[in-house]
Amino acid sequence: MTVTLVAAVAANGVIGAAGGMPWHLPADLARFKRLTSGHVLVMGRRTYESIGRPLPGRTTLVVSSRANWRPDGVTVVSSVDEALEQGLAIDEQVFVVGGTRVFESVLPRADRMALTLVDDCPPGDTYFPDVDWSQWVEVHREPGQGLAFVDYIRR
């Protein structure tokens, strides 16, 4: 069973701005689809609202404290623990896709990180959490134009 954090992270740590992403990177979106299709996604409510719909071919678990918030096509859970428990009961691979609070909660339990490192410092209001890099080892790097796809596993 594997829990993987997936994010595009700018050089300044930004992952979001004003409820969206501060860039449009088709290669990153294609990688995200390739990694996550057929698997379980865990995300916070704001991340789900920024996407606006369930992503096809994936089971979506949304962490929210709003009792009456129940969008069609997703399962709403009240905690990250509940999301991981349900997700791992459904699939051996769970992909955690944001936002900051969900990443912070899952990071100590994550097995892998699949990051797109963006060579830019855009303004933003949502950041990837601080990572203790001594706990991680880089296992793959694929450079691209203005970005790099980098995979890490926990030591």
N, C-alpha and C. Protein backbone atom coordinates (compact mmCIF):
# COMPACT_ATOMS: atom_id res chain seq x y z
N MET A 1 0.84 -1.18 0.00
CA MET A 1 0.00 0.00 0.00
C MET A 1 0.89 1.24 0.00
N THR A 2 0.55 2.16 -0.88
CA THR A 2 1.38 3.33 -1.07
C THR A 2 0.56 4.61 -1.01
N VAL A 3 1.05 5.57 -0.24
CA VAL A 3 0.45 6.91 -0.20
C VAL A 3 1.46 7.86 -0.83
N THR A 4 1.02 8.53 -1.90
CA THR A 4 1.88 9.42 -2.67
C THR A 4 1.32 10.83 -2.68
N LEU A 5 2.16 11.81 -2.35
CA LEU A 5 1.78 13.21 -2.51
C LEU A 5 2.11 13.61 -3.94
N VAL A 6 1.17 14.30 -4.60
CA VAL A 6 1.38 14.78 -5.97
C VAL A 6 1.14 16.28 -5.97
N ALA A 7 2.14 17.04 -6.44
CA ALA A 7 1.98 18.50 -6.47
C ALA A 7 2.94 19.10 -7.48
N ALA A 8 2.53 20.23 -8.01
CA ALA A 8 3.43 21.11 -8.77
C ALA A 8 3.82 22.23 -7.81
N VAL A 9 5.12 22.40 -7.61
CA VAL A 9 5.63 23.32 -6.59
C VAL A 9 6.61 24.30 -7.22
N ALA A 10 6.34 25.58 -7.07
CA ALA A 10 7.25 26.61 -7.58
C ALA A 10 8.50 26.69 -6.71
N ALA A 11 9.52 27.35 -7.22
CA ALA A 11 10.78 27.50 -6.49
C ALA A 11 10.58 28.21 -5.15
N ASN A 12 9.54 29.03 -5.03
CA ASN A 12 9.24 29.72 -3.78
C ASN A 12 8.22 28.97 -2.92
N GLY A 13 7.90 27.73 -3.29
CA GLY A 13 6.99 26.90 -2.51
C GLY A 13 5.53 27.06 -2.86
N VAL A 14 5.19 27.98 -3.74
CA VAL A 14 3.79 28.22 -4.11
C VAL A 14 3.22 27.02 -4.85
N ILE A 15 2.00 26.63 -4.46
CA ILE A 15 1.25 25.60 -5.19
C ILE A 15 -0.09 26.12 -5.68
N GLY A 16 -0.49 27.31 -5.22
CA GLY A 16 -1.79 27.84 -5.64
C GLY A 16 -1.87 29.33 -5.44
N ALA A 17 -2.83 29.92 -6.18
CA ALA A 17 -3.07 31.36 -6.08
C ALA A 17 -4.53 31.64 -6.40
N ALA A 18 -5.20 32.32 -5.48
CA ALA A 18 -6.59 32.74 -5.69
C ALA A 18 -7.50 31.60 -6.12
N GLY A 19 -7.34 30.45 -5.48
CA GLY A 19 -8.22 29.32 -5.76
C GLY A 19 -7.90 28.55 -7.02
N GLY A 20 -6.73 28.77 -7.59
CA GLY A 20 -6.32 28.05 -8.79
C GLY A 20 -4.83 27.83 -8.80
N MET A 21 -4.33 27.38 -9.93
CA MET A 21 -2.89 27.20 -10.08
C MET A 21 -2.33 28.41 -10.80
N PRO A 22 -1.15 28.88 -10.39
CA PRO A 22 -0.59 30.09 -10.99
C PRO A 22 0.14 29.84 -12.31
N TRP A 23 -0.15 28.75 -12.96
CA TRP A 23 0.47 28.41 -14.23
C TRP A 23 -0.43 27.45 -14.99
N HIS A 24 -0.13 27.28 -16.26
CA HIS A 24 -0.78 26.25 -17.08
C HIS A 24 0.34 25.44 -17.71
N LEU A 25 0.52 24.23 -17.23
CA LEU A 25 1.62 23.37 -17.67
C LEU A 25 1.04 22.07 -18.23
N PRO A 26 0.79 22.00 -19.53
CA PRO A 26 0.20 20.80 -20.12
C PRO A 26 0.97 19.51 -19.79
N ALA A 27 2.30 19.57 -19.76
CA ALA A 27 3.08 18.37 -19.45
C ALA A 27 2.82 17.91 -18.02
N ASP A 28 2.66 18.85 -17.10
CA ASP A 28 2.35 18.50 -15.71
C ASP A 28 0.97 17.87 -15.61
N LEU A 29 0.00 18.44 -16.31
CA LEU A 29 -1.36 17.88 -16.29
C LEU A 29 -1.37 16.47 -16.87
N ALA A 30 -0.61 16.24 -17.94
CA ALA A 30 -0.53 14.91 -18.54
C ALA A 30 0.10 13.91 -17.57
N ARG A 31 1.14 14.33 -16.88
CA ARG A 31 1.78 13.44 -15.89
C ARG A 31 0.82 13.13 -14.75
N PHE A 32 0.11 14.15 -14.28
CA PHE A 32 -0.87 13.96 -13.21
C PHE A 32 -1.90 12.92 -13.63
N LYS A 33 -2.41 13.04 -14.84
CA LYS A 33 -3.41 12.09 -15.33
C LYS A 33 -2.82 10.69 -15.42
N ARG A 34 -1.61 10.58 -15.96
CA ARG A 34 -0.96 9.28 -16.11
C ARG A 34 -0.74 8.61 -14.74
N LEU A 35 -0.30 9.39 -13.76
CA LEU A 35 -0.03 8.85 -12.42
C LEU A 35 -1.29 8.41 -11.70
N THR A 36 -2.34 9.22 -11.79
CA THR A 36 -3.50 9.04 -10.91
C THR A 36 -4.67 8.29 -11.52
N SER A 37 -4.73 8.15 -12.84
CA SER A 37 -5.88 7.48 -13.46
C SER A 37 -6.02 6.06 -12.94
N GLY A 38 -7.25 5.70 -12.60
CA GLY A 38 -7.54 4.38 -12.08
C GLY A 38 -7.30 4.22 -10.59
N HIS A 39 -6.95 5.30 -9.92
CA HIS A 39 -6.61 5.22 -8.50
C HIS A 39 -7.48 6.16 -7.67
N VAL A 40 -7.20 6.20 -6.38
CA VAL A 40 -7.94 7.04 -5.43
C VAL A 40 -7.21 8.36 -5.25
N LEU A 41 -7.98 9.45 -5.30
CA LEU A 41 -7.46 10.79 -4.99
C LEU A 41 -8.01 11.24 -3.65
N VAL A 42 -7.16 11.85 -2.84
CA VAL A 42 -7.57 12.48 -1.59
C VAL A 42 -7.23 13.95 -1.71
N MET A 43 -8.21 14.79 -1.40
CA MET A 43 -8.00 16.24 -1.47
C MET A 43 -8.89 16.95 -0.48
N GLY A 44 -8.53 18.18 -0.19
CA GLY A 44 -9.36 19.03 0.64
C GLY A 44 -10.48 19.66 -0.17
N ARG A 45 -11.44 20.24 0.53
CA ARG A 45 -12.60 20.84 -0.13
C ARG A 45 -12.20 21.96 -1.08
N ARG A 46 -11.31 22.83 -0.65
CA ARG A 46 -10.93 23.96 -1.53
C ARG A 46 -10.24 23.47 -2.80
N THR A 47 -9.42 22.45 -2.67
CA THR A 47 -8.79 21.88 -3.86
C THR A 47 -9.85 21.32 -4.79
N TYR A 48 -10.81 20.59 -4.21
CA TYR A 48 -11.90 20.05 -5.04
C TYR A 48 -12.65 21.19 -5.73
N GLU A 49 -12.97 22.24 -5.00
CA GLU A 49 -13.72 23.35 -5.59
C GLU A 49 -12.92 24.04 -6.69
N SER A 50 -11.59 24.07 -6.57
CA SER A 50 -10.78 24.68 -7.63
C SER A 50 -10.80 23.82 -8.89
N ILE A 51 -10.92 22.51 -8.73
CA ILE A 51 -11.03 21.61 -9.88
C ILE A 51 -12.45 21.69 -10.45
N GLY A 52 -13.43 21.72 -9.56
CA GLY A 52 -14.81 21.95 -9.96
C GLY A 52 -15.64 20.74 -10.30
N ARG A 53 -15.03 19.57 -10.33
CA ARG A 53 -15.77 18.36 -10.69
C ARG A 53 -14.93 17.14 -10.33
N PRO A 54 -15.57 15.97 -10.23
CA PRO A 54 -14.77 14.76 -10.04
C PRO A 54 -13.95 14.50 -11.31
N LEU A 55 -12.74 14.03 -11.14
CA LEU A 55 -11.91 13.72 -12.30
C LEU A 55 -12.24 12.32 -12.81
N PRO A 56 -12.43 12.17 -14.11
CA PRO A 56 -12.84 10.87 -14.65
C PRO A 56 -11.81 9.78 -14.38
N GLY A 57 -12.32 8.58 -14.15
CA GLY A 57 -11.46 7.42 -13.99
C GLY A 57 -10.73 7.34 -12.66
N ARG A 58 -11.19 8.13 -11.69
CA ARG A 58 -10.57 8.13 -10.37
C ARG A 58 -11.65 8.19 -9.31
N THR A 59 -11.40 7.55 -8.18
CA THR A 59 -12.27 7.67 -7.01
C THR A 59 -11.78 8.87 -6.22
N THR A 60 -12.69 9.80 -5.90
CA THR A 60 -12.30 11.03 -5.23
C THR A 60 -12.86 11.08 -3.82
N LEU A 61 -11.96 11.23 -2.85
CA LEU A 61 -12.33 11.41 -1.45
C LEU A 61 -11.96 12.84 -1.07
N VAL A 62 -12.95 13.59 -0.59
CA VAL A 62 -12.75 14.99 -0.25
C VAL A 62 -12.88 15.17 1.25
N VAL A 63 -11.87 15.76 1.87
CA VAL A 63 -11.88 16.03 3.31
C VAL A 63 -12.53 17.38 3.53
N SER A 64 -13.62 17.37 4.33
CA SER A 64 -14.32 18.62 4.63
C SER A 64 -15.00 18.52 5.98
N SER A 65 -15.02 19.65 6.68
CA SER A 65 -15.74 19.71 7.95
C SER A 65 -17.16 20.22 7.76
N ARG A 66 -17.53 20.57 6.56
CA ARG A 66 -18.89 21.07 6.28
C ARG A 66 -19.86 19.90 6.20
N ALA A 67 -20.72 19.78 7.20
CA ALA A 67 -21.61 18.64 7.31
C ALA A 67 -22.59 18.52 6.15
N ASN A 68 -23.07 19.61 5.62
CA ASN A 68 -24.08 19.56 4.56
C ASN A 68 -23.49 19.67 3.16
N TRP A 69 -22.21 19.68 3.02
CA TRP A 69 -21.57 19.82 1.72
C TRP A 69 -21.38 18.44 1.12
N ARG A 70 -22.11 18.12 0.06
CA ARG A 70 -22.09 16.79 -0.54
C ARG A 70 -22.18 16.88 -2.07
N PRO A 71 -21.11 17.24 -2.76
CA PRO A 71 -21.19 17.29 -4.22
C PRO A 71 -21.34 15.89 -4.82
N ASP A 72 -21.99 15.84 -5.96
CA ASP A 72 -22.19 14.57 -6.65
C ASP A 72 -20.86 14.01 -7.15
N GLY A 73 -20.74 12.70 -7.11
CA GLY A 73 -19.61 12.03 -7.72
C GLY A 73 -18.37 11.89 -6.87
N VAL A 74 -18.42 12.36 -5.62
CA VAL A 74 -17.28 12.22 -4.72
C VAL A 74 -17.78 11.70 -3.37
N THR A 75 -16.86 11.20 -2.58
CA THR A 75 -17.17 10.81 -1.21
C THR A 75 -16.56 11.84 -0.28
N VAL A 76 -17.38 12.42 0.58
CA VAL A 76 -16.90 13.42 1.53
C VAL A 76 -16.62 12.72 2.86
N VAL A 77 -15.44 12.98 3.41
CA VAL A 77 -15.05 12.41 4.70
C VAL A 77 -14.67 13.56 5.63
N SER A 78 -14.68 13.29 6.92
CA SER A 78 -14.47 14.37 7.88
C SER A 78 -13.02 14.53 8.33
N SER A 79 -12.14 13.60 7.94
CA SER A 79 -10.75 13.71 8.39
C SER A 79 -9.81 13.07 7.37
N VAL A 80 -8.56 13.46 7.44
CA VAL A 80 -7.54 12.85 6.60
C VAL A 80 -7.38 11.38 6.96
N ASP A 81 -7.45 11.05 8.25
CA ASP A 81 -7.35 9.65 8.66
C ASP A 81 -8.43 8.81 8.01
N GLU A 82 -9.66 9.32 8.02
CA GLU A 82 -10.77 8.60 7.39
C GLU A 82 -10.54 8.47 5.89
N ALA A 83 -10.03 9.51 5.26
CA ALA A 83 -9.76 9.46 3.82
C ALA A 83 -8.72 8.39 3.50
N LEU A 84 -7.64 8.35 4.25
CA LEU A 84 -6.60 7.35 3.99
C LEU A 84 -7.11 5.95 4.26
N GLU A 85 -7.86 5.77 5.33
CA GLU A 85 -8.41 4.46 5.65
C GLU A 85 -9.33 3.97 4.53
N GLN A 86 -10.25 4.82 4.10
CA GLN A 86 -11.17 4.44 3.02
C GLN A 86 -10.41 4.24 1.71
N GLY A 87 -9.49 5.16 1.42
CA GLY A 87 -8.74 5.07 0.17
C GLY A 87 -7.94 3.79 0.06
N LEU A 88 -7.24 3.43 1.13
CA LEU A 88 -6.42 2.22 1.10
C LEU A 88 -7.26 0.95 1.14
N ALA A 89 -8.52 1.04 1.56
CA ALA A 89 -9.43 -0.10 1.49
C ALA A 89 -9.90 -0.33 0.05
N ILE A 90 -9.87 0.73 -0.76
CA ILE A 90 -10.33 0.66 -2.14
C ILE A 90 -9.19 0.27 -3.09
N ASP A 91 -8.00 0.81 -2.84
CA ASP A 91 -6.89 0.67 -3.79
C ASP A 91 -5.57 0.61 -3.02
N GLU A 92 -4.58 -0.04 -3.60
CA GLU A 92 -3.26 -0.10 -2.97
C GLU A 92 -2.48 1.19 -3.14
N GLN A 93 -2.93 2.06 -4.06
CA GLN A 93 -2.26 3.33 -4.27
C GLN A 93 -3.24 4.47 -4.05
N VAL A 94 -2.89 5.36 -3.14
CA VAL A 94 -3.70 6.55 -2.87
C VAL A 94 -2.83 7.76 -3.19
N PHE A 95 -3.39 8.69 -3.95
CA PHE A 95 -2.68 9.90 -4.34
C PHE A 95 -3.31 11.10 -3.64
N VAL A 96 -2.50 11.80 -2.86
CA VAL A 96 -2.95 12.97 -2.12
C VAL A 96 -2.55 14.19 -2.94
N VAL A 97 -3.55 15.03 -3.29
CA VAL A 97 -3.32 16.07 -4.28
C VAL A 97 -3.56 17.49 -3.76
N GLY A 98 -3.68 17.67 -2.45
CA GLY A 98 -3.78 19.02 -1.90
C GLY A 98 -5.02 19.23 -1.09
N GLY A 99 -5.10 20.36 -0.50
CA GLY A 99 -4.17 21.47 -0.46
C GLY A 99 -3.20 21.39 0.71
N THR A 100 -2.76 22.54 1.13
CA THR A 100 -1.69 22.63 2.12
C THR A 100 -2.00 21.84 3.38
N ARG A 101 -3.18 22.02 3.96
CA ARG A 101 -3.49 21.34 5.23
C ARG A 101 -3.53 19.83 5.06
N VAL A 102 -4.06 19.36 3.94
CA VAL A 102 -4.09 17.92 3.69
C VAL A 102 -2.66 17.41 3.50
N PHE A 103 -1.86 18.12 2.72
CA PHE A 103 -0.45 17.72 2.56
C PHE A 103 0.26 17.67 3.90
N GLU A 104 0.07 18.69 4.74
CA GLU A 104 0.72 18.72 6.06
C GLU A 104 0.32 17.52 6.90
N SER A 105 -0.95 17.16 6.86
CA SER A 105 -1.44 16.03 7.66
C SER A 105 -0.90 14.69 7.17
N VAL A 106 -0.76 14.56 5.87
CA VAL A 106 -0.37 13.27 5.29
C VAL A 106 1.14 13.11 5.20
N LEU A 107 1.88 14.20 5.09
CA LEU A 107 3.33 14.13 4.86
C LEU A 107 4.05 13.16 5.81
N PRO A 108 3.77 13.15 7.11
CA PRO A 108 4.48 12.22 7.99
C PRO A 108 4.20 10.74 7.68
N ARG A 109 3.10 10.46 6.97
CA ARG A 109 2.72 9.08 6.66
C ARG A 109 2.92 8.71 5.20
N ALA A 110 3.34 9.67 4.39
CA ALA A 110 3.49 9.41 2.96
C ALA A 110 4.69 8.52 2.68
N ASP A 111 4.55 7.70 1.65
CA ASP A 111 5.62 6.81 1.21
C ASP A 111 6.41 7.41 0.06
N ARG A 112 5.71 8.20 -0.77
CA ARG A 112 6.31 8.76 -1.98
C ARG A 112 5.86 10.19 -2.19
N MET A 113 6.63 10.93 -2.97
CA MET A 113 6.21 12.23 -3.47
C MET A 113 6.53 12.27 -4.96
N ALA A 114 5.55 12.68 -5.75
CA ALA A 114 5.73 12.89 -7.18
C ALA A 114 5.53 14.38 -7.41
N LEU A 115 6.63 15.11 -7.49
CA LEU A 115 6.56 16.56 -7.56
C LEU A 115 6.97 17.05 -8.95
N THR A 116 6.28 18.07 -9.39
CA THR A 116 6.72 18.84 -10.54
C THR A 116 7.33 20.11 -9.96
N LEU A 117 8.63 20.26 -10.12
CA LEU A 117 9.33 21.43 -9.60
C LEU A 117 9.36 22.48 -10.70
N VAL A 118 8.69 23.59 -10.44
CA VAL A 118 8.50 24.64 -11.43
C VAL A 118 9.57 25.71 -11.24
N ASP A 119 10.30 26.01 -12.31
CA ASP A 119 11.38 27.01 -12.26
C ASP A 119 10.81 28.42 -12.37
N ASP A 120 10.04 28.82 -11.38
CA ASP A 120 9.42 30.14 -11.38
C ASP A 120 9.08 30.48 -9.94
N CYS A 121 8.88 31.75 -9.66
CA CYS A 121 8.50 32.22 -8.33
C CYS A 121 7.26 33.10 -8.44
N PRO A 122 6.12 32.51 -8.80
CA PRO A 122 4.91 33.32 -8.96
C PRO A 122 4.36 33.74 -7.60
N PRO A 123 3.59 34.82 -7.58
CA PRO A 123 2.88 35.14 -6.34
C PRO A 123 1.82 34.07 -6.09
N GLY A 124 1.53 33.84 -4.83
CA GLY A 124 0.51 32.86 -4.50
C GLY A 124 0.11 32.96 -3.06
N ASP A 125 -0.91 32.19 -2.70
CA ASP A 125 -1.41 32.21 -1.33
C ASP A 125 -1.52 30.81 -0.73
N THR A 126 -1.07 29.82 -1.47
CA THR A 126 -1.11 28.44 -1.01
C THR A 126 0.27 27.83 -1.25
N TYR A 127 0.81 27.18 -0.20
CA TYR A 127 2.20 26.71 -0.25
C TYR A 127 2.30 25.23 0.08
N PHE A 128 3.29 24.57 -0.51
CA PHE A 128 3.62 23.20 -0.15
C PHE A 128 4.25 23.25 1.24
N PRO A 129 3.96 22.26 2.08
CA PRO A 129 4.52 22.31 3.45
C PRO A 129 6.03 22.12 3.45
N ASP A 130 6.65 22.53 4.54
CA ASP A 130 8.08 22.30 4.72
C ASP A 130 8.33 20.80 4.81
N VAL A 131 9.38 20.36 4.16
CA VAL A 131 9.72 18.94 4.10
C VAL A 131 11.07 18.74 4.77
N ASP A 132 11.18 17.72 5.61
CA ASP A 132 12.47 17.32 6.17
C ASP A 132 13.13 16.42 5.12
N TRP A 133 13.97 17.02 4.28
CA TRP A 133 14.54 16.30 3.15
C TRP A 133 15.46 15.18 3.57
N SER A 134 15.91 15.16 4.84
CA SER A 134 16.75 14.05 5.29
C SER A 134 15.97 12.74 5.33
N GLN A 135 14.64 12.82 5.29
CA GLN A 135 13.80 11.62 5.31
C GLN A 135 13.45 11.10 3.91
N TRP A 136 13.94 11.79 2.88
CA TRP A 136 13.54 11.47 1.51
C TRP A 136 14.77 11.27 0.62
N VAL A 137 14.63 10.41 -0.37
CA VAL A 137 15.68 10.22 -1.36
C VAL A 137 15.06 10.37 -2.75
N GLU A 138 15.76 11.11 -3.60
CA GLU A 138 15.31 11.29 -4.98
C GLU A 138 15.60 10.01 -5.76
N VAL A 139 14.58 9.48 -6.45
CA VAL A 139 14.76 8.24 -7.20
C VAL A 139 14.60 8.42 -8.70
N HIS A 140 14.07 9.56 -9.12
CA HIS A 140 13.89 9.80 -10.55
C HIS A 140 13.78 11.30 -10.79
N ARG A 141 14.41 11.76 -11.87
CA ARG A 141 14.31 13.16 -12.26
C ARG A 141 14.24 13.21 -13.78
N GLU A 142 13.21 13.89 -14.26
CA GLU A 142 13.04 14.08 -15.70
C GLU A 142 12.95 15.58 -15.96
N PRO A 143 14.03 16.17 -16.50
CA PRO A 143 14.00 17.60 -16.75
C PRO A 143 13.08 17.94 -17.92
N GLY A 144 12.48 19.11 -17.83
CA GLY A 144 11.63 19.61 -18.90
C GLY A 144 11.89 21.09 -19.06
N GLN A 145 11.13 21.71 -19.94
CA GLN A 145 11.31 23.14 -20.17
C GLN A 145 10.64 23.93 -19.05
N GLY A 146 11.47 24.54 -18.19
CA GLY A 146 10.96 25.34 -17.09
C GLY A 146 10.45 24.54 -15.91
N LEU A 147 10.69 23.22 -15.92
CA LEU A 147 10.23 22.38 -14.82
C LEU A 147 11.03 21.09 -14.80
N ALA A 148 10.85 20.33 -13.73
CA ALA A 148 11.41 18.98 -13.65
C ALA A 148 10.42 18.10 -12.91
N PHE A 149 10.23 16.90 -13.42
CA PHE A 149 9.42 15.90 -12.72
C PHE A 149 10.36 15.12 -11.82
N VAL A 150 10.10 15.15 -10.52
CA VAL A 150 11.01 14.53 -9.57
C VAL A 150 10.21 13.62 -8.63
N ASP A 151 10.67 12.38 -8.50
CA ASP A 151 10.03 11.42 -7.62
C ASP A 151 10.95 11.14 -6.44
N TYR A 152 10.34 11.08 -5.26
CA TYR A 152 11.05 10.81 -4.02
C TYR A 152 10.39 9.64 -3.31
N ILE A 153 11.20 8.86 -2.60
CA ILE A 153 10.66 7.85 -1.69
C ILE A 153 11.22 8.12 -0.30
N ARG A 154 10.45 7.69 0.68
CA ARG A 154 10.89 7.87 2.07
C ARG A 154 12.06 6.93 2.34
N ARG A 155 13.06 7.44 3.06
CA ARG A 155 14.24 6.63 3.43
C ARG A 155 13.84 5.52 4.38
